[in-house]
Protein backbone atom coordinates (compact mmCIF):
# COMPACT_ATOMS: atom_id res chain seq x y z
CA UNK A 1 0.00 0.00 0.00
CA UNK A 2 2.89 2.36 0.82
CA UNK A 3 4.40 1.77 -2.64
CA UNK A 4 1.07 2.52 -4.29
CA UNK A 5 0.85 5.84 -2.42
CA UNK A 6 4.42 6.72 -3.43
CA UNK A 7 3.64 5.98 -7.08
CA UNK A 8 0.45 8.08 -6.90
CA UNK A 9 2.28 11.11 -5.38
CA UNK A 10 5.14 10.77 -7.85
CA UNK A 11 2.59 10.78 -10.69
CA UNK A 12 0.79 13.79 -9.22
CA UNK A 13 3.97 15.79 -8.73
CA UNK A 14 4.93 15.24 -12.37
CA UNK A 15 1.44 16.05 -13.65
CA UNK A 16 1.21 19.47 -15.40
CA UNK A 17 -2.33 19.96 -14.06
CA UNK A 18 -1.19 19.32 -10.48
CA UNK A 19 1.77 21.65 -10.88
CA UNK A 20 -0.48 24.39 -12.30
CA UNK A 21 -3.01 23.95 -9.49
CA UNK A 22 -0.28 23.98 -6.88
CA UNK A 23 1.29 27.11 -8.41
CA UNK A 24 -2.08 28.90 -8.54
CA UNK A 25 -2.75 27.99 -4.91
CA UNK A 26 0.68 29.26 -3.85
CA UNK A 27 0.14 32.50 -5.80
CA UNK A 28 -3.18 33.10 -4.02
CA UNK A 29 -1.63 32.33 -0.64
CA UNK A 30 1.34 34.62 -1.37
CA UNK A 31 -0.96 37.43 -2.53
CA UNK A 32 -3.12 37.08 0.60
CA UNK A 33 -0.05 36.97 2.83
CA UNK A 34 1.41 40.06 1.16
CA UNK A 35 -1.92 41.88 1.53
CA UNK A 36 -2.10 41.02 5.24
CA UNK A 37 1.52 42.05 5.80
CA UNK A 38 0.92 45.37 4.03
CA UNK A 39 -2.24 45.90 6.09
CA UNK A 40 -0.33 45.17 9.32
CA UNK A 41 2.50 47.54 8.33
CA UNK A 42 0.05 50.29 7.40
CA UNK A 43 -1.85 49.83 10.67
CA UNK A 44 1.38 50.02 12.64
CA UNK A 45 2.57 53.14 10.83
CA UNK A 46 -0.78 54.89 11.07
CA UNK A 47 -1.32 53.98 14.70
CA UNK A 48 2.20 54.81 15.81
CA UNK A 49 2.10 58.32 14.35
CA UNK A 50 0.12 59.69 17.29
CA UNK A 51 2.46 58.37 19.97
CA UNK A 52 5.50 59.40 17.90
CA UNK A 53 4.14 62.94 17.68
CA UNK A 54 3.67 62.97 21.46
CA UNK A 55 7.25 61.76 22.05
CA UNK A 56 8.58 64.31 19.56
CA UNK A 57 6.74 67.11 21.32
CA UNK A 58 8.90 66.45 24.40
CA UNK A 59 11.92 67.80 22.46
CA UNK A 60 10.46 69.99 19.72
CA UNK A 61 7.65 72.51 19.31
CA UNK A 62 4.43 71.52 17.57
CA UNK A 63 5.45 73.54 14.52
CA UNK A 64 8.83 71.81 14.33
CA UNK A 65 7.28 68.33 14.61
CA UNK A 66 4.70 69.12 11.92
CA UNK A 67 7.39 70.57 9.68
CA UNK A 68 9.57 67.49 10.12
CA UNK A 69 6.60 65.27 9.25
CA UNK A 70 5.95 67.26 6.08
CA UNK A 71 9.63 67.24 5.09
CA UNK A 72 9.84 63.47 5.64
CA UNK A 73 6.68 62.90 3.59
CA UNK A 74 8.02 65.19 0.87
CA UNK A 75 11.30 63.28 0.65
CA UNK A 76 9.47 59.94 0.42
CA UNK A 77 7.05 61.21 -2.22
CA UNK A 78 9.55 63.27 -4.24
CA UNK A 79 10.42 60.49 -6.74
CA UNK A 80 6.72 60.00 -7.49
CA UNK A 81 6.11 63.73 -7.74
CA UNK A 82 8.95 64.14 -10.23
CA UNK A 83 7.61 61.31 -12.34
CA UNK A 84 3.91 62.16 -12.32
CA UNK A 85 3.75 65.95 -11.86
CA UNK A 86 3.91 66.60 -15.59
CA UNK A 87 0.84 64.39 -16.11
CA UNK A 88 -1.38 66.78 -14.14
CA UNK A 89 -3.33 69.09 -16.46
CA UNK A 90 -2.36 72.74 -15.93
CA UNK A 91 -5.93 73.76 -15.12
CA UNK A 92 -6.05 71.14 -12.31
CA UNK A 93 -2.88 72.36 -10.52
CA UNK A 94 -4.77 74.74 -8.17
CA UNK A 95 -7.09 71.90 -7.12
CA UNK A 96 -4.13 69.57 -6.55
CA UNK A 97 -2.38 72.27 -4.51
CA UNK A 98 -5.52 72.93 -2.45
CA UNK A 99 -5.95 69.20 -1.89
CA UNK A 100 -2.39 68.94 -0.59
CA UNK A 101 -2.77 71.91 1.73
CA UNK A 102 -6.13 70.78 3.13
CA UNK A 103 -5.42 67.05 3.17
CA UNK A 104 -1.83 67.02 4.42
CA UNK A 105 -0.34 70.34 5.48
CA UNK A 106 -3.10 71.70 7.74
CA UNK A 107 -3.85 68.34 9.44
CA UNK A 108 -0.15 67.77 10.18
CA UNK A 109 0.06 71.08 12.03
CA UNK A 110 -3.37 70.76 13.65
CA UNK A 111 -2.60 67.30 15.07
CA UNK A 112 0.73 68.41 16.48
CA UNK A 113 -0.81 71.52 18.03
CA UNK A 114 -3.61 69.38 19.49
CA UNK A 115 -1.25 66.88 21.09
CA UNK A 116 0.25 69.68 23.15
CA UNK A 117 -2.94 69.63 25.22
CA UNK A 118 -4.50 66.17 24.74
CA UNK A 119 -3.26 62.59 24.92
CA UNK A 120 -2.16 60.71 21.83
CA UNK A 121 -4.88 58.16 22.64
CA UNK A 122 -7.59 60.81 22.43
CA UNK A 123 -6.07 62.23 19.24
CA UNK A 124 -6.08 58.77 17.64
CA UNK A 125 -9.64 58.13 18.74
CA UNK A 126 -10.84 61.47 17.42
CA UNK A 127 -9.15 60.71 14.11
CA UNK A 128 -11.84 58.06 13.66
CA UNK A 129 -14.22 60.96 12.98
CA UNK A 130 -12.70 61.22 9.48
CA UNK A 131 -15.08 58.76 7.75
CA UNK A 132 -18.06 60.43 9.42
CA UNK A 133 -17.01 63.80 7.98
CA UNK A 134 -16.36 62.19 4.59
CA UNK A 135 -19.96 61.00 4.52
CA UNK A 136 -21.32 64.35 5.72
CA UNK A 137 -19.26 66.46 3.29
CA UNK A 138 -19.99 64.06 0.44
CA UNK A 139 -23.73 64.26 1.13
CA UNK A 140 -23.89 68.04 1.66
CA UNK A 141 -21.52 69.29 -1.05
CA UNK A 142 -21.48 66.49 -3.64
CA UNK A 143 -24.90 64.82 -3.27
CA UNK A 144 -23.23 61.46 -2.63
CA UNK A 145 -25.56 58.82 -1.24
CA UNK A 146 -24.25 56.42 1.36
CA UNK A 147 -25.66 53.00 2.06
CA UNK A 148 -27.00 52.18 5.51
CA UNK A 149 -24.40 49.40 5.80
CA UNK A 150 -21.54 51.90 5.39
CA UNK A 151 -23.07 54.22 7.98
CA UNK A 152 -23.56 51.29 10.36
CA UNK A 153 -19.96 50.19 9.82
CA UNK A 154 -18.62 53.66 10.56
CA UNK A 155 -20.76 53.97 13.68
CA UNK A 156 -19.58 50.57 14.92
CA UNK A 157 -15.93 51.54 14.31
CA UNK A 158 -16.40 54.88 16.06
CA UNK A 159 -18.14 53.20 18.99
CA UNK A 160 -15.24 50.77 19.25
CA UNK A 161 -12.79 53.68 19.33
CA UNK A 162 -14.77 55.40 22.07
CA UNK A 163 -14.95 52.19 24.10
CA UNK A 164 -11.18 51.72 23.77
CA UNK A 165 -10.64 55.27 24.97
CA UNK A 166 -13.02 54.85 27.89
CA UNK A 167 -11.40 51.58 28.91
CA UNK A 168 -8.10 53.42 29.37
CA UNK A 169 -9.79 56.34 31.09
CA UNK A 170 -9.78 59.95 30.01
CA UNK A 171 -7.67 62.24 32.16
CA UNK A 172 -9.30 65.41 33.38
CA UNK A 173 -6.68 67.70 31.87
CA UNK A 174 -7.92 67.27 28.29
CA UNK A 175 -8.71 70.74 26.96
CA UNK A 176 -11.65 71.12 24.54
CA UNK A 177 -9.69 73.78 22.65
CA UNK A 178 -7.13 71.16 21.59
CA UNK A 179 -9.87 68.66 20.76
CA UNK A 180 -11.22 71.19 18.26
CA UNK A 181 -7.85 71.12 16.44
CA UNK A 182 -8.25 67.38 15.85
CA UNK A 183 -11.86 67.77 14.72
CA UNK A 184 -10.83 70.48 12.26
CA UNK A 185 -8.00 68.24 10.98
CA UNK A 186 -10.42 65.37 10.37
CA UNK A 187 -12.74 67.73 8.48
CA UNK A 188 -9.76 68.76 6.32
CA UNK A 189 -9.04 65.12 5.49
C-alpha atoms as a PDB file:
ATOM      1  CA  UNK A   1       0.000   0.000   0.000  1.00  0.00           C
ATOM      2  CA  UNK A   2       2.888   2.362   0.823  1.00  0.00           C
ATOM      3  CA  UNK A   3       4.396   1.773  -2.638  1.00  0.00           C
ATOM      4  CA  UNK A   4       1.067   2.515  -4.294  1.00  0.00           C
ATOM      5  CA  UNK A   5       0.847   5.844  -2.423  1.00  0.00           C
ATOM      6  CA  UNK A   6       4.421   6.725  -3.432  1.00  0.00           C
ATOM      7  CA  UNK A   7       3.639   5.976  -7.082  1.00  0.00           C
ATOM      8  CA  UNK A   8       0.449   8.081  -6.904  1.00  0.00           C
ATOM      9  CA  UNK A   9       2.277  11.106  -5.377  1.00  0.00           C
ATOM     10  CA  UNK A  10       5.138  10.770  -7.851  1.00  0.00           C
ATOM     11  CA  UNK A  11       2.591  10.780 -10.693  1.00  0.00           C
ATOM     12  CA  UNK A  12       0.790  13.793  -9.222  1.00  0.00           C
ATOM     13  CA  UNK A  13       3.967  15.788  -8.726  1.00  0.00           C
ATOM     14  CA  UNK A  14       4.928  15.241 -12.368  1.00  0.00           C
ATOM     15  CA  UNK A  15       1.443  16.052 -13.646  1.00  0.00           C
ATOM     16  CA  UNK A  16       1.213  19.471 -15.405  1.00  0.00           C
ATOM     17  CA  UNK A  17      -2.328  19.958 -14.060  1.00  0.00           C
ATOM     18  CA  UNK A  18      -1.195  19.316 -10.483  1.00  0.00           C
ATOM     19  CA  UNK A  19       1.772  21.653 -10.885  1.00  0.00           C
ATOM     20  CA  UNK A  20      -0.479  24.386 -12.302  1.00  0.00           C
ATOM     21  CA  UNK A  21      -3.010  23.945  -9.489  1.00  0.00           C
ATOM     22  CA  UNK A  22      -0.276  23.980  -6.875  1.00  0.00           C
ATOM     23  CA  UNK A  23       1.294  27.106  -8.408  1.00  0.00           C
ATOM     24  CA  UNK A  24      -2.084  28.898  -8.543  1.00  0.00           C
ATOM     25  CA  UNK A  25      -2.754  27.986  -4.914  1.00  0.00           C
ATOM     26  CA  UNK A  26       0.681  29.258  -3.845  1.00  0.00           C
ATOM     27  CA  UNK A  27       0.140  32.497  -5.797  1.00  0.00           C
ATOM     28  CA  UNK A  28      -3.175  33.105  -4.020  1.00  0.00           C
ATOM     29  CA  UNK A  29      -1.627  32.333  -0.640  1.00  0.00           C
ATOM     30  CA  UNK A  30       1.336  34.620  -1.366  1.00  0.00           C
ATOM     31  CA  UNK A  31      -0.959  37.434  -2.527  1.00  0.00           C
ATOM     32  CA  UNK A  32      -3.125  37.084   0.595  1.00  0.00           C
ATOM     33  CA  UNK A  33      -0.050  36.972   2.834  1.00  0.00           C
ATOM     34  CA  UNK A  34       1.406  40.056   1.158  1.00  0.00           C
ATOM     35  CA  UNK A  35      -1.924  41.878   1.528  1.00  0.00           C
ATOM     36  CA  UNK A  36      -2.102  41.020   5.238  1.00  0.00           C
ATOM     37  CA  UNK A  37       1.520  42.046   5.795  1.00  0.00           C
ATOM     38  CA  UNK A  38       0.917  45.372   4.033  1.00  0.00           C
ATOM     39  CA  UNK A  39      -2.242  45.898   6.090  1.00  0.00           C
ATOM     40  CA  UNK A  40      -0.326  45.175   9.322  1.00  0.00           C
ATOM     41  CA  UNK A  41       2.502  47.540   8.329  1.00  0.00           C
ATOM     42  CA  UNK A  42       0.052  50.294   7.400  1.00  0.00           C
ATOM     43  CA  UNK A  43      -1.850  49.832  10.674  1.00  0.00           C
ATOM     44  CA  UNK A  44       1.384  50.016  12.643  1.00  0.00           C
ATOM     45  CA  UNK A  45       2.575  53.143  10.826  1.00  0.00           C
ATOM     46  CA  UNK A  46      -0.778  54.890  11.071  1.00  0.00           C
ATOM     47  CA  UNK A  47      -1.317  53.985  14.703  1.00  0.00           C
ATOM     48  CA  UNK A  48       2.196  54.815  15.813  1.00  0.00           C
ATOM     49  CA  UNK A  49       2.103  58.324  14.347  1.00  0.00           C
ATOM     50  CA  UNK A  50       0.116  59.690  17.293  1.00  0.00           C
ATOM     51  CA  UNK A  51       2.465  58.372  19.970  1.00  0.00           C
ATOM     52  CA  UNK A  52       5.498  59.401  17.900  1.00  0.00           C
ATOM     53  CA  UNK A  53       4.135  62.944  17.684  1.00  0.00           C
ATOM     54  CA  UNK A  54       3.672  62.970  21.461  1.00  0.00           C
ATOM     55  CA  UNK A  55       7.249  61.764  22.047  1.00  0.00           C
ATOM     56  CA  UNK A  56       8.584  64.306  19.557  1.00  0.00           C
ATOM     57  CA  UNK A  57       6.739  67.111  21.324  1.00  0.00           C
ATOM     58  CA  UNK A  58       8.902  66.454  24.396  1.00  0.00           C
ATOM     59  CA  UNK A  59      11.916  67.803  22.463  1.00  0.00           C
ATOM     60  CA  UNK A  60      10.456  69.991  19.722  1.00  0.00           C
ATOM     61  CA  UNK A  61       7.646  72.507  19.309  1.00  0.00           C
ATOM     62  CA  UNK A  62       4.431  71.521  17.574  1.00  0.00           C
ATOM     63  CA  UNK A  63       5.452  73.536  14.522  1.00  0.00           C
ATOM     64  CA  UNK A  64       8.829  71.811  14.329  1.00  0.00           C
ATOM     65  CA  UNK A  65       7.283  68.334  14.606  1.00  0.00           C
ATOM     66  CA  UNK A  66       4.698  69.116  11.922  1.00  0.00           C
ATOM     67  CA  UNK A  67       7.394  70.574   9.675  1.00  0.00           C
ATOM     68  CA  UNK A  68       9.568  67.491  10.120  1.00  0.00           C
ATOM     69  CA  UNK A  69       6.600  65.273   9.254  1.00  0.00           C
ATOM     70  CA  UNK A  70       5.947  67.265   6.080  1.00  0.00           C
ATOM     71  CA  UNK A  71       9.628  67.238   5.086  1.00  0.00           C
ATOM     72  CA  UNK A  72       9.843  63.466   5.636  1.00  0.00           C
ATOM     73  CA  UNK A  73       6.684  62.899   3.587  1.00  0.00           C
ATOM     74  CA  UNK A  74       8.024  65.192   0.866  1.00  0.00           C
ATOM     75  CA  UNK A  75      11.298  63.278   0.655  1.00  0.00           C
ATOM     76  CA  UNK A  76       9.474  59.939   0.419  1.00  0.00           C
ATOM     77  CA  UNK A  77       7.050  61.208  -2.224  1.00  0.00           C
ATOM     78  CA  UNK A  78       9.551  63.266  -4.243  1.00  0.00           C
ATOM     79  CA  UNK A  79      10.424  60.493  -6.745  1.00  0.00           C
ATOM     80  CA  UNK A  80       6.723  59.995  -7.485  1.00  0.00           C
ATOM     81  CA  UNK A  81       6.111  63.732  -7.745  1.00  0.00           C
ATOM     82  CA  UNK A  82       8.954  64.145 -10.230  1.00  0.00           C
ATOM     83  CA  UNK A  83       7.612  61.313 -12.339  1.00  0.00           C
ATOM     84  CA  UNK A  84       3.907  62.160 -12.316  1.00  0.00           C
ATOM     85  CA  UNK A  85       3.753  65.951 -11.857  1.00  0.00           C
ATOM     86  CA  UNK A  86       3.914  66.599 -15.585  1.00  0.00           C
ATOM     87  CA  UNK A  87       0.841  64.391 -16.107  1.00  0.00           C
ATOM     88  CA  UNK A  88      -1.376  66.775 -14.137  1.00  0.00           C
ATOM     89  CA  UNK A  89      -3.325  69.093 -16.461  1.00  0.00           C
ATOM     90  CA  UNK A  90      -2.361  72.743 -15.931  1.00  0.00           C
ATOM     91  CA  UNK A  91      -5.930  73.757 -15.116  1.00  0.00           C
ATOM     92  CA  UNK A  92      -6.050  71.137 -12.311  1.00  0.00           C
ATOM     93  CA  UNK A  93      -2.884  72.357 -10.524  1.00  0.00           C
ATOM     94  CA  UNK A  94      -4.770  74.735  -8.171  1.00  0.00           C
ATOM     95  CA  UNK A  95      -7.094  71.903  -7.121  1.00  0.00           C
ATOM     96  CA  UNK A  96      -4.131  69.570  -6.551  1.00  0.00           C
ATOM     97  CA  UNK A  97      -2.378  72.270  -4.510  1.00  0.00           C
ATOM     98  CA  UNK A  98      -5.515  72.934  -2.447  1.00  0.00           C
ATOM     99  CA  UNK A  99      -5.951  69.196  -1.887  1.00  0.00           C
ATOM    100  CA  UNK A 100      -2.386  68.935  -0.588  1.00  0.00           C
ATOM    101  CA  UNK A 101      -2.771  71.910   1.727  1.00  0.00           C
ATOM    102  CA  UNK A 102      -6.126  70.780   3.129  1.00  0.00           C
ATOM    103  CA  UNK A 103      -5.422  67.052   3.169  1.00  0.00           C
ATOM    104  CA  UNK A 104      -1.834  67.021   4.419  1.00  0.00           C
ATOM    105  CA  UNK A 105      -0.339  70.340   5.482  1.00  0.00           C
ATOM    106  CA  UNK A 106      -3.102  71.702   7.736  1.00  0.00           C
ATOM    107  CA  UNK A 107      -3.850  68.341   9.440  1.00  0.00           C
ATOM    108  CA  UNK A 108      -0.145  67.772  10.176  1.00  0.00           C
ATOM    109  CA  UNK A 109       0.055  71.083  12.027  1.00  0.00           C
ATOM    110  CA  UNK A 110      -3.365  70.757  13.651  1.00  0.00           C
ATOM    111  CA  UNK A 111      -2.604  67.299  15.071  1.00  0.00           C
ATOM    112  CA  UNK A 112       0.734  68.413  16.477  1.00  0.00           C
ATOM    113  CA  UNK A 113      -0.806  71.515  18.025  1.00  0.00           C
ATOM    114  CA  UNK A 114      -3.608  69.377  19.487  1.00  0.00           C
ATOM    115  CA  UNK A 115      -1.253  66.884  21.090  1.00  0.00           C
ATOM    116  CA  UNK A 116       0.253  69.684  23.149  1.00  0.00           C
ATOM    117  CA  UNK A 117      -2.943  69.626  25.225  1.00  0.00           C
ATOM    118  CA  UNK A 118      -4.495  66.174  24.743  1.00  0.00           C
ATOM    119  CA  UNK A 119      -3.262  62.593  24.919  1.00  0.00           C
ATOM    120  CA  UNK A 120      -2.158  60.707  21.831  1.00  0.00           C
ATOM    121  CA  UNK A 121      -4.884  58.162  22.639  1.00  0.00           C
ATOM    122  CA  UNK A 122      -7.586  60.807  22.435  1.00  0.00           C
ATOM    123  CA  UNK A 123      -6.067  62.229  19.236  1.00  0.00           C
ATOM    124  CA  UNK A 124      -6.078  58.772  17.638  1.00  0.00           C
ATOM    125  CA  UNK A 125      -9.642  58.130  18.738  1.00  0.00           C
ATOM    126  CA  UNK A 126     -10.837  61.473  17.422  1.00  0.00           C
ATOM    127  CA  UNK A 127      -9.153  60.713  14.112  1.00  0.00           C
ATOM    128  CA  UNK A 128     -11.836  58.061  13.657  1.00  0.00           C
ATOM    129  CA  UNK A 129     -14.225  60.956  12.978  1.00  0.00           C
ATOM    130  CA  UNK A 130     -12.696  61.218   9.483  1.00  0.00           C
ATOM    131  CA  UNK A 131     -15.079  58.757   7.755  1.00  0.00           C
ATOM    132  CA  UNK A 132     -18.058  60.429   9.417  1.00  0.00           C
ATOM    133  CA  UNK A 133     -17.014  63.805   7.982  1.00  0.00           C
ATOM    134  CA  UNK A 134     -16.356  62.190   4.590  1.00  0.00           C
ATOM    135  CA  UNK A 135     -19.961  60.998   4.520  1.00  0.00           C
ATOM    136  CA  UNK A 136     -21.324  64.350   5.722  1.00  0.00           C
ATOM    137  CA  UNK A 137     -19.264  66.458   3.294  1.00  0.00           C
ATOM    138  CA  UNK A 138     -19.992  64.061   0.440  1.00  0.00           C
ATOM    139  CA  UNK A 139     -23.732  64.260   1.128  1.00  0.00           C
ATOM    140  CA  UNK A 140     -23.887  68.035   1.663  1.00  0.00           C
ATOM    141  CA  UNK A 141     -21.520  69.287  -1.049  1.00  0.00           C
ATOM    142  CA  UNK A 142     -21.479  66.492  -3.638  1.00  0.00           C
ATOM    143  CA  UNK A 143     -24.904  64.818  -3.266  1.00  0.00           C
ATOM    144  CA  UNK A 144     -23.230  61.462  -2.627  1.00  0.00           C
ATOM    145  CA  UNK A 145     -25.559  58.825  -1.236  1.00  0.00           C
ATOM    146  CA  UNK A 146     -24.254  56.425   1.360  1.00  0.00           C
ATOM    147  CA  UNK A 147     -25.659  52.997   2.058  1.00  0.00           C
ATOM    148  CA  UNK A 148     -27.001  52.180   5.511  1.00  0.00           C
ATOM    149  CA  UNK A 149     -24.398  49.400   5.799  1.00  0.00           C
ATOM    150  CA  UNK A 150     -21.545  51.901   5.394  1.00  0.00           C
ATOM    151  CA  UNK A 151     -23.070  54.218   7.979  1.00  0.00           C
ATOM    152  CA  UNK A 152     -23.556  51.291  10.357  1.00  0.00           C
ATOM    153  CA  UNK A 153     -19.959  50.187   9.818  1.00  0.00           C
ATOM    154  CA  UNK A 154     -18.616  53.663  10.560  1.00  0.00           C
ATOM    155  CA  UNK A 155     -20.765  53.966  13.677  1.00  0.00           C
ATOM    156  CA  UNK A 156     -19.577  50.568  14.923  1.00  0.00           C
ATOM    157  CA  UNK A 157     -15.934  51.535  14.310  1.00  0.00           C
ATOM    158  CA  UNK A 158     -16.397  54.883  16.058  1.00  0.00           C
ATOM    159  CA  UNK A 159     -18.138  53.203  18.987  1.00  0.00           C
ATOM    160  CA  UNK A 160     -15.236  50.769  19.250  1.00  0.00           C
ATOM    161  CA  UNK A 161     -12.791  53.682  19.335  1.00  0.00           C
ATOM    162  CA  UNK A 162     -14.774  55.400  22.072  1.00  0.00           C
ATOM    163  CA  UNK A 163     -14.953  52.186  24.105  1.00  0.00           C
ATOM    164  CA  UNK A 164     -11.183  51.721  23.774  1.00  0.00           C
ATOM    165  CA  UNK A 165     -10.642  55.266  24.968  1.00  0.00           C
ATOM    166  CA  UNK A 166     -13.021  54.847  27.895  1.00  0.00           C
ATOM    167  CA  UNK A 167     -11.397  51.577  28.908  1.00  0.00           C
ATOM    168  CA  UNK A 168      -8.095  53.420  29.373  1.00  0.00           C
ATOM    169  CA  UNK A 169      -9.789  56.337  31.090  1.00  0.00           C
ATOM    170  CA  UNK A 170      -9.782  59.954  30.015  1.00  0.00           C
ATOM    171  CA  UNK A 171      -7.673  62.240  32.157  1.00  0.00           C
ATOM    172  CA  UNK A 172      -9.299  65.406  33.380  1.00  0.00           C
ATOM    173  CA  UNK A 173      -6.684  67.700  31.871  1.00  0.00           C
ATOM    174  CA  UNK A 174      -7.920  67.271  28.292  1.00  0.00           C
ATOM    175  CA  UNK A 175      -8.707  70.742  26.958  1.00  0.00           C
ATOM    176  CA  UNK A 176     -11.648  71.120  24.544  1.00  0.00           C
ATOM    177  CA  UNK A 177      -9.693  73.784  22.647  1.00  0.00           C
ATOM    178  CA  UNK A 178      -7.130  71.163  21.595  1.00  0.00           C
ATOM    179  CA  UNK A 179      -9.866  68.664  20.758  1.00  0.00           C
ATOM    180  CA  UNK A 180     -11.219  71.193  18.259  1.00  0.00           C
ATOM    181  CA  UNK A 181      -7.851  71.120  16.441  1.00  0.00           C
ATOM    182  CA  UNK A 182      -8.249  67.384  15.848  1.00  0.00           C
ATOM    183  CA  UNK A 183     -11.855  67.771  14.724  1.00  0.00           C
ATOM    184  CA  UNK A 184     -10.835  70.484  12.265  1.00  0.00           C
ATOM    185  CA  UNK A 185      -8.000  68.237  10.983  1.00  0.00           C
ATOM    186  CA  UNK A 186     -10.421  65.371  10.371  1.00  0.00           C
ATOM    187  CA  UNK A 187     -12.738  67.728   8.481  1.00  0.00           C
ATOM    188  CA  UNK A 188      -9.757  68.760   6.318  1.00  0.00           C
ATOM    189  CA  UNK A 189      -9.036  65.115   5.492  1.00  0.00           C
END
